[in-house]
C-alpha atoms as a PDB file:
ATOM      1  CA  UNK A   1     121.375 110.328  41.527  1.00  0.00           C
ATOM      2  CA  UNK A   2     120.839 111.297  45.163  1.00  0.00           C
ATOM      3  CA  UNK A   3     124.005 109.755  46.547  1.00  0.00           C
ATOM      4  CA  UNK A   4     126.070 111.817  48.971  1.00  0.00           C
ATOM      5  CA  UNK A   5     129.852 111.986  49.264  1.00  0.00           C
ATOM      6  CA  UNK A   6     131.704 113.647  52.138  1.00  0.00           C
ATOM      7  CA  UNK A   7     135.257 114.723  51.305  1.00  0.00           C
ATOM      8  CA  UNK A   8     137.827 115.932  53.820  1.00  0.00           C
ATOM      9  CA  UNK A   9     140.615 118.216  52.666  1.00  0.00           C
ATOM     10  CA  UNK A  10     138.433 119.327  49.767  1.00  0.00           C
ATOM     11  CA  UNK A  11     139.911 122.792  49.225  1.00  0.00           C
ATOM     12  CA  UNK A  12     142.851 121.631  47.081  1.00  0.00           C
ATOM     13  CA  UNK A  13     144.626 118.714  45.450  1.00  0.00           C
ATOM     14  CA  UNK A  14     143.035 115.289  45.389  1.00  0.00           C
ATOM     15  CA  UNK A  15     140.054 116.367  47.481  1.00  0.00           C
ATOM     16  CA  UNK A  16     139.219 119.238  45.145  1.00  0.00           C
ATOM     17  CA  UNK A  17     139.532 117.030  42.058  1.00  0.00           C
ATOM     18  CA  UNK A  18     137.309 114.405  43.652  1.00  0.00           C
ATOM     19  CA  UNK A  19     134.699 117.052  44.449  1.00  0.00           C
ATOM     20  CA  UNK A  20     134.460 118.153  40.818  1.00  0.00           C
ATOM     21  CA  UNK A  21     134.414 114.606  39.462  1.00  0.00           C
ATOM     22  CA  UNK A  22     131.765 113.316  41.866  1.00  0.00           C
ATOM     23  CA  UNK A  23     129.647 116.426  41.256  1.00  0.00           C
ATOM     24  CA  UNK A  24     129.821 115.749  37.517  1.00  0.00           C
ATOM     25  CA  UNK A  25     128.367 112.301  38.190  1.00  0.00           C
ATOM     26  CA  UNK A  26     125.381 113.694  40.083  1.00  0.00           C
ATOM     27  CA  UNK A  27     126.509 113.274  43.677  1.00  0.00           C
ATOM     28  CA  UNK A  28     125.531 115.711  46.394  1.00  0.00           C
ATOM     29  CA  UNK A  29     128.592 116.873  48.310  1.00  0.00           C
ATOM     30  CA  UNK A  30     129.649 117.719  51.839  1.00  0.00           C
ATOM     31  CA  UNK A  31     133.058 119.383  51.650  1.00  0.00           C
ATOM     32  CA  UNK A  32     135.330 119.971  54.626  1.00  0.00           C
ATOM     33  CA  UNK A  33     138.560 121.891  55.008  1.00  0.00           C
ATOM     34  CA  UNK A  34     140.200 124.729  56.878  1.00  0.00           C
ATOM     35  CA  UNK A  35     140.132 127.363  54.121  1.00  0.00           C
ATOM     36  CA  UNK A  36     136.585 128.655  54.023  1.00  0.00           C
ATOM     37  CA  UNK A  37     137.110 131.056  51.130  1.00  0.00           C
ATOM     38  CA  UNK A  38     138.339 128.240  48.901  1.00  0.00           C
ATOM     39  CA  UNK A  39     135.520 125.935  49.954  1.00  0.00           C
ATOM     40  CA  UNK A  40     132.942 128.603  49.240  1.00  0.00           C
ATOM     41  CA  UNK A  41     134.376 129.230  45.789  1.00  0.00           C
ATOM     42  CA  UNK A  42     134.390 125.525  44.965  1.00  0.00           C
ATOM     43  CA  UNK A  43     130.822 125.092  46.242  1.00  0.00           C
ATOM     44  CA  UNK A  44     129.568 127.985  44.119  1.00  0.00           C
ATOM     45  CA  UNK A  45     131.234 126.592  41.012  1.00  0.00           C
ATOM     46  CA  UNK A  46     129.880 123.093  41.574  1.00  0.00           C
ATOM     47  CA  UNK A  47     126.341 124.277  42.227  1.00  0.00           C
ATOM     48  CA  UNK A  48     126.401 126.451  39.105  1.00  0.00           C
ATOM     49  CA  UNK A  49     128.168 124.035  36.776  1.00  0.00           C
ATOM     50  CA  UNK A  50     126.529 120.775  37.844  1.00  0.00           C
ATOM     51  CA  UNK A  51     123.287 121.923  39.511  1.00  0.00           C
ATOM     52  CA  UNK A  52     124.142 119.819  42.521  1.00  0.00           C
ATOM     53  CA  UNK A  53     123.718 120.458  46.238  1.00  0.00           C
ATOM     54  CA  UNK A  54     126.785 121.289  48.321  1.00  0.00           C
ATOM     55  CA  UNK A  55     127.287 121.938  52.029  1.00  0.00           C
ATOM     56  CA  UNK A  56     130.632 123.175  53.286  1.00  0.00           C
ATOM     57  CA  UNK A  57     131.928 122.566  56.791  1.00  0.00           C
ATOM     58  CA  UNK A  58     134.951 124.679  57.652  1.00  0.00           C
ATOM     59  CA  UNK A  59     136.815 122.781  60.349  1.00  0.00           C
ATOM     60  CA  UNK A  60     140.159 121.467  61.539  1.00  0.00           C
ATOM     61  CA  UNK A  61     140.022 117.686  61.759  1.00  0.00           C
ATOM     62  CA  UNK A  62     142.691 117.767  64.477  1.00  0.00           C
ATOM     63  CA  UNK A  63     139.972 118.838  66.920  1.00  0.00           C
ATOM     64  CA  UNK A  64     137.599 116.049  67.926  1.00  0.00           C
ATOM     65  CA  UNK A  65     135.172 118.589  69.399  1.00  0.00           C
ATOM     66  CA  UNK A  66     135.172 120.645  66.209  1.00  0.00           C
ATOM     67  CA  UNK A  67     134.570 117.574  64.057  1.00  0.00           C
ATOM     68  CA  UNK A  68     131.683 116.461  66.266  1.00  0.00           C
ATOM     69  CA  UNK A  69     130.103 119.911  66.440  1.00  0.00           C
ATOM     70  CA  UNK A  70     130.362 120.702  62.744  1.00  0.00           C
ATOM     71  CA  UNK A  71     129.174 117.281  61.611  1.00  0.00           C
ATOM     72  CA  UNK A  72     126.098 117.800  63.793  1.00  0.00           C
ATOM     73  CA  UNK A  73     125.302 120.723  61.456  1.00  0.00           C
ATOM     74  CA  UNK A  74     124.900 118.481  58.397  1.00  0.00           C
ATOM     75  CA  UNK A  75     121.502 119.263  56.845  1.00  0.00           C
ATOM     76  CA  UNK A  76     119.642 115.971  57.158  1.00  0.00           C
ATOM     77  CA  UNK A  77     116.889 117.135  54.826  1.00  0.00           C
ATOM     78  CA  UNK A  78     119.370 117.569  51.986  1.00  0.00           C
ATOM     79  CA  UNK A  79     121.785 114.855  53.114  1.00  0.00           C
ATOM     80  CA  UNK A  80     119.698 112.120  54.771  1.00  0.00           C
ATOM     81  CA  UNK A  81     122.459 109.546  54.194  1.00  0.00           C
ATOM     82  CA  UNK A  82     126.192 109.566  53.529  1.00  0.00           C
ATOM     83  CA  UNK A  83     127.053 107.037  50.867  1.00  0.00           C
ATOM     84  CA  UNK A  84     130.789 107.684  50.526  1.00  0.00           C
ATOM     85  CA  UNK A  85     133.364 109.138  52.910  1.00  0.00           C
ATOM     86  CA  UNK A  86     136.687 110.109  51.356  1.00  0.00           C
ATOM     87  CA  UNK A  87     139.254 110.490  54.130  1.00  0.00           C
ATOM     88  CA  UNK A  88     141.593 112.635  52.073  1.00  0.00           C
ATOM     89  CA  UNK A  89     142.921 115.292  54.474  1.00  0.00           C
ATOM     90  CA  UNK A  90     146.582 114.742  55.271  1.00  0.00           C
ATOM     91  CA  UNK A  91     150.027 116.293  55.024  1.00  0.00           C
ATOM     92  CA  UNK A  92     153.758 115.981  55.502  1.00  0.00           C
ATOM     93  CA  UNK A  93     155.717 118.492  57.575  1.00  0.00           C
ATOM     94  CA  UNK A  94     159.497 118.530  57.406  1.00  0.00           C
ATOM     95  CA  UNK A  95     162.017 116.179  55.851  1.00  0.00           C
ATOM     96  CA  UNK A  96     165.103 114.969  57.691  1.00  0.00           C
ATOM     97  CA  UNK A  97     166.602 112.318  59.963  1.00  0.00           C
ATOM     98  CA  UNK A  98     164.750 111.336  63.120  1.00  0.00           C
ATOM     99  CA  UNK A  99     167.267 112.971  65.468  1.00  0.00           C
ATOM    100  CA  UNK A 100     166.713 116.332  63.779  1.00  0.00           C
ATOM    101  CA  UNK A 101     162.928 116.107  63.746  1.00  0.00           C
ATOM    102  CA  UNK A 102     160.794 118.923  65.112  1.00  0.00           C
ATOM    103  CA  UNK A 103     158.163 118.006  67.669  1.00  0.00           C
ATOM    104  CA  UNK A 104     155.667 120.473  66.230  1.00  0.00           C
ATOM    105  CA  UNK A 105     155.979 118.798  62.825  1.00  0.00           C
ATOM    106  CA  UNK A 106     155.487 115.369  64.358  1.00  0.00           C
ATOM    107  CA  UNK A 107     152.413 116.485  66.276  1.00  0.00           C
ATOM    108  CA  UNK A 108     150.941 118.119  63.177  1.00  0.00           C
ATOM    109  CA  UNK A 109     151.307 114.966  61.084  1.00  0.00           C
ATOM    110  CA  UNK A 110     150.071 112.579  63.763  1.00  0.00           C
ATOM    111  CA  UNK A 111     147.152 114.808  64.730  1.00  0.00           C
ATOM    112  CA  UNK A 112     146.068 115.281  61.108  1.00  0.00           C
ATOM    113  CA  UNK A 113     146.904 112.019  59.354  1.00  0.00           C
ATOM    114  CA  UNK A 114     145.964 109.600  62.133  1.00  0.00           C
ATOM    115  CA  UNK A 115     143.860 111.215  64.844  1.00  0.00           C
ATOM    116  CA  UNK A 116     141.955 113.460  62.449  1.00  0.00           C
ATOM    117  CA  UNK A 117     141.108 110.500  60.238  1.00  0.00           C
ATOM    118  CA  UNK A 118     139.889 108.648  63.328  1.00  0.00           C
ATOM    119  CA  UNK A 119     137.709 111.527  64.529  1.00  0.00           C
ATOM    120  CA  UNK A 120     136.011 111.824  61.142  1.00  0.00           C
ATOM    121  CA  UNK A 121     135.629 108.068  60.695  1.00  0.00           C
ATOM    122  CA  UNK A 122     134.056 107.612  64.120  1.00  0.00           C
ATOM    123  CA  UNK A 123     131.325 110.157  63.398  1.00  0.00           C
ATOM    124  CA  UNK A 124     130.544 109.000  59.877  1.00  0.00           C
ATOM    125  CA  UNK A 125     130.861 105.250  60.470  1.00  0.00           C
ATOM    126  CA  UNK A 126     128.164 105.546  63.154  1.00  0.00           C
ATOM    127  CA  UNK A 127     125.853 107.125  60.573  1.00  0.00           C
ATOM    128  CA  UNK A 128     126.701 104.447  58.031  1.00  0.00           C
ATOM    129  CA  UNK A 129     126.111 101.706  60.601  1.00  0.00           C
ATOM    130  CA  UNK A 130     122.674 103.109  61.366  1.00  0.00           C
ATOM    131  CA  UNK A 131     121.745 103.437  57.688  1.00  0.00           C
ATOM    132  CA  UNK A 132     123.059  99.947  56.893  1.00  0.00           C
ATOM    133  CA  UNK A 133     125.423 100.835  54.062  1.00  0.00           C
ATOM    134  CA  UNK A 134     128.282 103.105  53.051  1.00  0.00           C
ATOM    135  CA  UNK A 135     131.812 103.205  51.700  1.00  0.00           C
ATOM    136  CA  UNK A 136     134.853 104.631  53.482  1.00  0.00           C
ATOM    137  CA  UNK A 137     137.776 105.411  51.194  1.00  0.00           C
ATOM    138  CA  UNK A 138     141.027 106.190  52.991  1.00  0.00           C
ATOM    139  CA  UNK A 139     143.737 108.000  51.056  1.00  0.00           C
ATOM    140  CA  UNK A 140     147.063 106.546  52.136  1.00  0.00           C
ATOM    141  CA  UNK A 141     150.422 106.634  50.388  1.00  0.00           C
ATOM    142  CA  UNK A 142     153.171 104.415  49.051  1.00  0.00           C
ATOM    143  CA  UNK A 143     154.916 105.736  52.185  1.00  0.00           C
ATOM    144  CA  UNK A 144     152.476 103.550  54.090  1.00  0.00           C
ATOM    145  CA  UNK A 145     153.794 100.492  52.291  1.00  0.00           C
ATOM    146  CA  UNK A 146     157.526 101.173  52.410  1.00  0.00           C
ATOM    147  CA  UNK A 147     159.541 103.748  54.351  1.00  0.00           C
ATOM    148  CA  UNK A 148     162.075 106.027  52.727  1.00  0.00           C
ATOM    149  CA  UNK A 149     165.027 108.027  54.110  1.00  0.00           C
ATOM    150  CA  UNK A 150     164.051 111.140  56.061  1.00  0.00           C
ATOM    151  CA  UNK A 151     160.364 110.261  55.867  1.00  0.00           C
ATOM    152  CA  UNK A 152     160.204 108.655  59.340  1.00  0.00           C
ATOM    153  CA  UNK A 153     157.130 110.128  61.064  1.00  0.00           C
ATOM    154  CA  UNK A 154     155.212 110.820  57.872  1.00  0.00           C
ATOM    155  CA  UNK A 155     155.797 107.210  56.812  1.00  0.00           C
ATOM    156  CA  UNK A 156     154.683 106.072  60.265  1.00  0.00           C
ATOM    157  CA  UNK A 157     151.403 107.952  59.978  1.00  0.00           C
ATOM    158  CA  UNK A 158     150.680 106.448  56.577  1.00  0.00           C
ATOM    159  CA  UNK A 159     151.524 102.971  57.859  1.00  0.00           C
ATOM    160  CA  UNK A 160     148.944 103.704  60.553  1.00  0.00           C
ATOM    161  CA  UNK A 161     146.388 104.568  57.872  1.00  0.00           C
ATOM    162  CA  UNK A 162     147.111 101.231  56.198  1.00  0.00           C
ATOM    163  CA  UNK A 163     146.624  99.368  59.482  1.00  0.00           C
ATOM    164  CA  UNK A 164     143.478 101.300  60.358  1.00  0.00           C
ATOM    165  CA  UNK A 165     142.036 100.600  56.940  1.00  0.00           C
ATOM    166  CA  UNK A 166     142.493  96.864  57.468  1.00  0.00           C
ATOM    167  CA  UNK A 167     140.973  97.087  60.938  1.00  0.00           C
ATOM    168  CA  UNK A 168     137.982  99.136  59.727  1.00  0.00           C
ATOM    169  CA  UNK A 169     137.289  96.555  57.039  1.00  0.00           C
ATOM    170  CA  UNK A 170     137.026  93.862  59.696  1.00  0.00           C
ATOM    171  CA  UNK A 171     135.148  95.925  62.285  1.00  0.00           C
ATOM    172  CA  UNK A 172     132.556  97.251  59.829  1.00  0.00           C
ATOM    173  CA  UNK A 173     132.098  94.025  57.880  1.00  0.00           C
ATOM    174  CA  UNK A 174     128.839  93.055  59.676  1.00  0.00           C
ATOM    175  CA  UNK A 175     127.163  96.341  58.746  1.00  0.00           C
ATOM    176  CA  UNK A 176     127.440  96.344  54.960  1.00  0.00           C
ATOM    177  CA  UNK A 177     130.063  99.081  54.932  1.00  0.00           C
ATOM    178  CA  UNK A 178     132.825  98.912  52.333  1.00  0.00           C
ATOM    179  CA  UNK A 179     136.321 100.074  53.281  1.00  0.00           C
ATOM    180  CA  UNK A 180     139.039 100.819  50.729  1.00  0.00           C
ATOM    181  CA  UNK A 181     142.543 102.261  50.928  1.00  0.00           C
ATOM    182  CA  UNK A 182     144.092 103.996  47.929  1.00  0.00           C
ATOM    183  CA  UNK A 183     147.840 104.506  48.241  1.00  0.00           C
ATOM    184  CA  UNK A 184     149.180 106.944  45.627  1.00  0.00           C
ATOM    185  CA  UNK A 185     152.830 107.485  44.873  1.00  0.00           C
ATOM    186  CA  UNK A 186     154.236 110.864  43.845  1.00  0.00           C
ATOM    187  CA  UNK A 187     151.325 113.149  42.996  1.00  0.00           C
ATOM    188  CA  UNK A 188     151.834 116.810  42.155  1.00  0.00           C
ATOM    189  CA  UNK A 189     149.751 118.811  44.624  1.00  0.00           C
ATOM    190  CA  UNK A 190     150.535 121.291  47.391  1.00  0.00           C
ATOM    191  CA  UNK A 191     152.026 118.329  49.292  1.00  0.00           C
ATOM    192  CA  UNK A 192     155.695 119.160  48.707  1.00  0.00           C
ATOM    193  CA  UNK A 193     155.144 122.882  49.183  1.00  0.00           C
ATOM    194  CA  UNK A 194     153.606 122.193  52.592  1.00  0.00           C
ATOM    195  CA  UNK A 195     156.321 119.704  53.509  1.00  0.00           C
ATOM    196  CA  UNK A 196     159.042 122.225  52.702  1.00  0.00           C
ATOM    197  CA  UNK A 197     157.100 125.084  54.303  1.00  0.00           C
ATOM    198  CA  UNK A 198     156.726 127.270  51.261  1.00  0.00           C
ATOM    199  CA  UNK A 199     160.148 126.665  49.690  1.00  0.00           C
ATOM    200  CA  UNK A 200     159.089 126.571  46.043  1.00  0.00           C
ATOM    201  CA  UNK A 201     162.473 125.437  44.726  1.00  0.00           C
ATOM    202  CA  UNK A 202     162.602 122.389  46.997  1.00  0.00           C
ATOM    203  CA  UNK A 203     158.978 121.602  46.251  1.00  0.00           C
ATOM    204  CA  UNK A 204     159.497 121.821  42.504  1.00  0.00           C
ATOM    205  CA  UNK A 205     162.570 119.573  42.655  1.00  0.00           C
ATOM    206  CA  UNK A 206     160.450 116.717  44.036  1.00  0.00           C
ATOM    207  CA  UNK A 207     158.802 116.328  40.624  1.00  0.00           C
ATOM    208  CA  UNK A 208     161.800 117.051  38.406  1.00  0.00           C
ATOM    209  CA  UNK A 209     162.705 114.525  35.733  1.00  0.00           C
ATOM    210  CA  UNK A 210     159.473 112.541  35.524  1.00  0.00           C
ATOM    211  CA  UNK A 211     155.750 112.892  34.987  1.00  0.00           C
ATOM    212  CA  UNK A 212     154.010 112.313  38.332  1.00  0.00           C
ATOM    213  CA  UNK A 213     150.439 111.416  39.085  1.00  0.00           C
ATOM    214  CA  UNK A 214     148.013 114.319  39.140  1.00  0.00           C
ATOM    215  CA  UNK A 215     144.998 114.856  41.417  1.00  0.00           C
ATOM    216  CA  UNK A 216     142.583 114.009  38.614  1.00  0.00           C
ATOM    217  CA  UNK A 217     144.259 110.597  38.251  1.00  0.00           C
ATOM    218  CA  UNK A 218     143.571 109.797  41.891  1.00  0.00           C
ATOM    219  CA  UNK A 219     140.028 111.173  41.687  1.00  0.00           C
ATOM    220  CA  UNK A 220     139.247 108.877  38.742  1.00  0.00           C
ATOM    221  CA  UNK A 221     140.456 105.913  40.766  1.00  0.00           C
ATOM    222  CA  UNK A 222     138.393 106.939  43.794  1.00  0.00           C
ATOM    223  CA  UNK A 223     135.279 107.188  41.626  1.00  0.00           C
ATOM    224  CA  UNK A 224     136.014 103.805  40.074  1.00  0.00           C
ATOM    225  CA  UNK A 225     136.148 101.987  43.404  1.00  0.00           C
ATOM    226  CA  UNK A 226     133.126 103.921  44.698  1.00  0.00           C
ATOM    227  CA  UNK A 227     130.945 102.860  41.782  1.00  0.00           C
ATOM    228  CA  UNK A 228     131.702  99.157  41.682  1.00  0.00           C
ATOM    229  CA  UNK A 229     128.747  96.773  42.108  1.00  0.00           C
ATOM    230  CA  UNK A 230     127.420  96.373  45.678  1.00  0.00           C
ATOM    231  CA  UNK A 231     128.983  92.912  46.025  1.00  0.00           C
ATOM    232  CA  UNK A 232     132.491  94.136  45.133  1.00  0.00           C
ATOM    233  CA  UNK A 233     134.928  95.863  47.504  1.00  0.00           C
ATOM    234  CA  UNK A 234     138.510  96.705  46.647  1.00  0.00           C
ATOM    235  CA  UNK A 235     140.216  96.568  50.020  1.00  0.00           C
ATOM    236  CA  UNK A 236     143.625  97.942  49.098  1.00  0.00           C
ATOM    237  CA  UNK A 237     144.990  99.636  45.992  1.00  0.00           C
ATOM    238  CA  UNK A 238     148.459 101.076  45.327  1.00  0.00           C
ATOM    239  CA  UNK A 239     149.024 103.313  42.330  1.00  0.00           C
ATOM    240  CA  UNK A 240     152.053 105.145  40.972  1.00  0.00           C
ATOM    241  CA  UNK A 241     153.077 107.008  37.868  1.00  0.00           C
ATOM    242  CA  UNK A 242     154.904 105.042  35.159  1.00  0.00           C
ATOM    243  CA  UNK A 243     158.297 106.242  36.405  1.00  0.00           C
ATOM    244  CA  UNK A 244     157.836 105.111  40.015  1.00  0.00           C
ATOM    245  CA  UNK A 245     157.958 101.505  41.201  1.00  0.00           C
ATOM    246  CA  UNK A 246     157.574 102.150  44.931  1.00  0.00           C
ATOM    247  CA  UNK A 247     158.489 104.671  47.624  1.00  0.00           C
ATOM    248  CA  UNK A 248     162.216 104.234  46.984  1.00  0.00           C
ATOM    249  CA  UNK A 249     162.548 103.572  43.278  1.00  0.00           C
ATOM    250  CA  UNK A 250     162.014 106.410  40.828  1.00  0.00           C
ATOM    251  CA  UNK A 251     163.305 106.726  37.263  1.00  0.00           C
ATOM    252  CA  UNK A 252     164.173 110.357  36.543  1.00  0.00           C
ATOM    253  CA  UNK A 253     165.302 111.668  33.194  1.00  0.00           C
ATOM    254  CA  UNK A 254     168.624 113.466  33.312  1.00  0.00           C
ATOM    255  CA  UNK A 255     168.396 117.134  32.413  1.00  0.00           C
END
């Protein structure tokens, strides 16, 4: 297989799991993220374990110039097309009522989850349009389907991802480009640790009393939608662990 997948936020969590799974299926990979040492380690492992081809692009998707410049460095001899884009990079910063929100946290979430996704999509959708095919998979959240207390701006950014996904599907329809949103519920990654700015106790408490989704669960779902027949496109998919019904309803076992 000579298909190519580009994954943002590939240094950890869902992005990292997707990288390993797609590599195991014979895909060539373009991996982006901010932590070059992690990306290099992942690339070395994938090339050794799966004999695949990997290019890493260390960048911050919040910078449109950086995205444009680094994507121009994609080796067209090794990656003549991009079959799948996984818009995975995203985060939550802070947790509290709107009147206590920190502007820096808001800017970080909006710049990463919305604007960063747009910068990446603009560059790659142009390539897909020119090649006449492709699949954009946007990683959203159950927070993009239903808001929850103290989630305000994070929920807003994920609602934006949901809306953008629907718009992309319409805008790119004439060019043979599939667009899919996958909205996971609680998934145990670095997400909570980042949200609570390194407070391990608060982060751990998020997953107490139930078995959450894990990155490999999401990666399996991404691969499933990416490998459906050419005439099939899943537009929107929401997934949760068994104990979670939606963003506000979670069944936790009492300790």
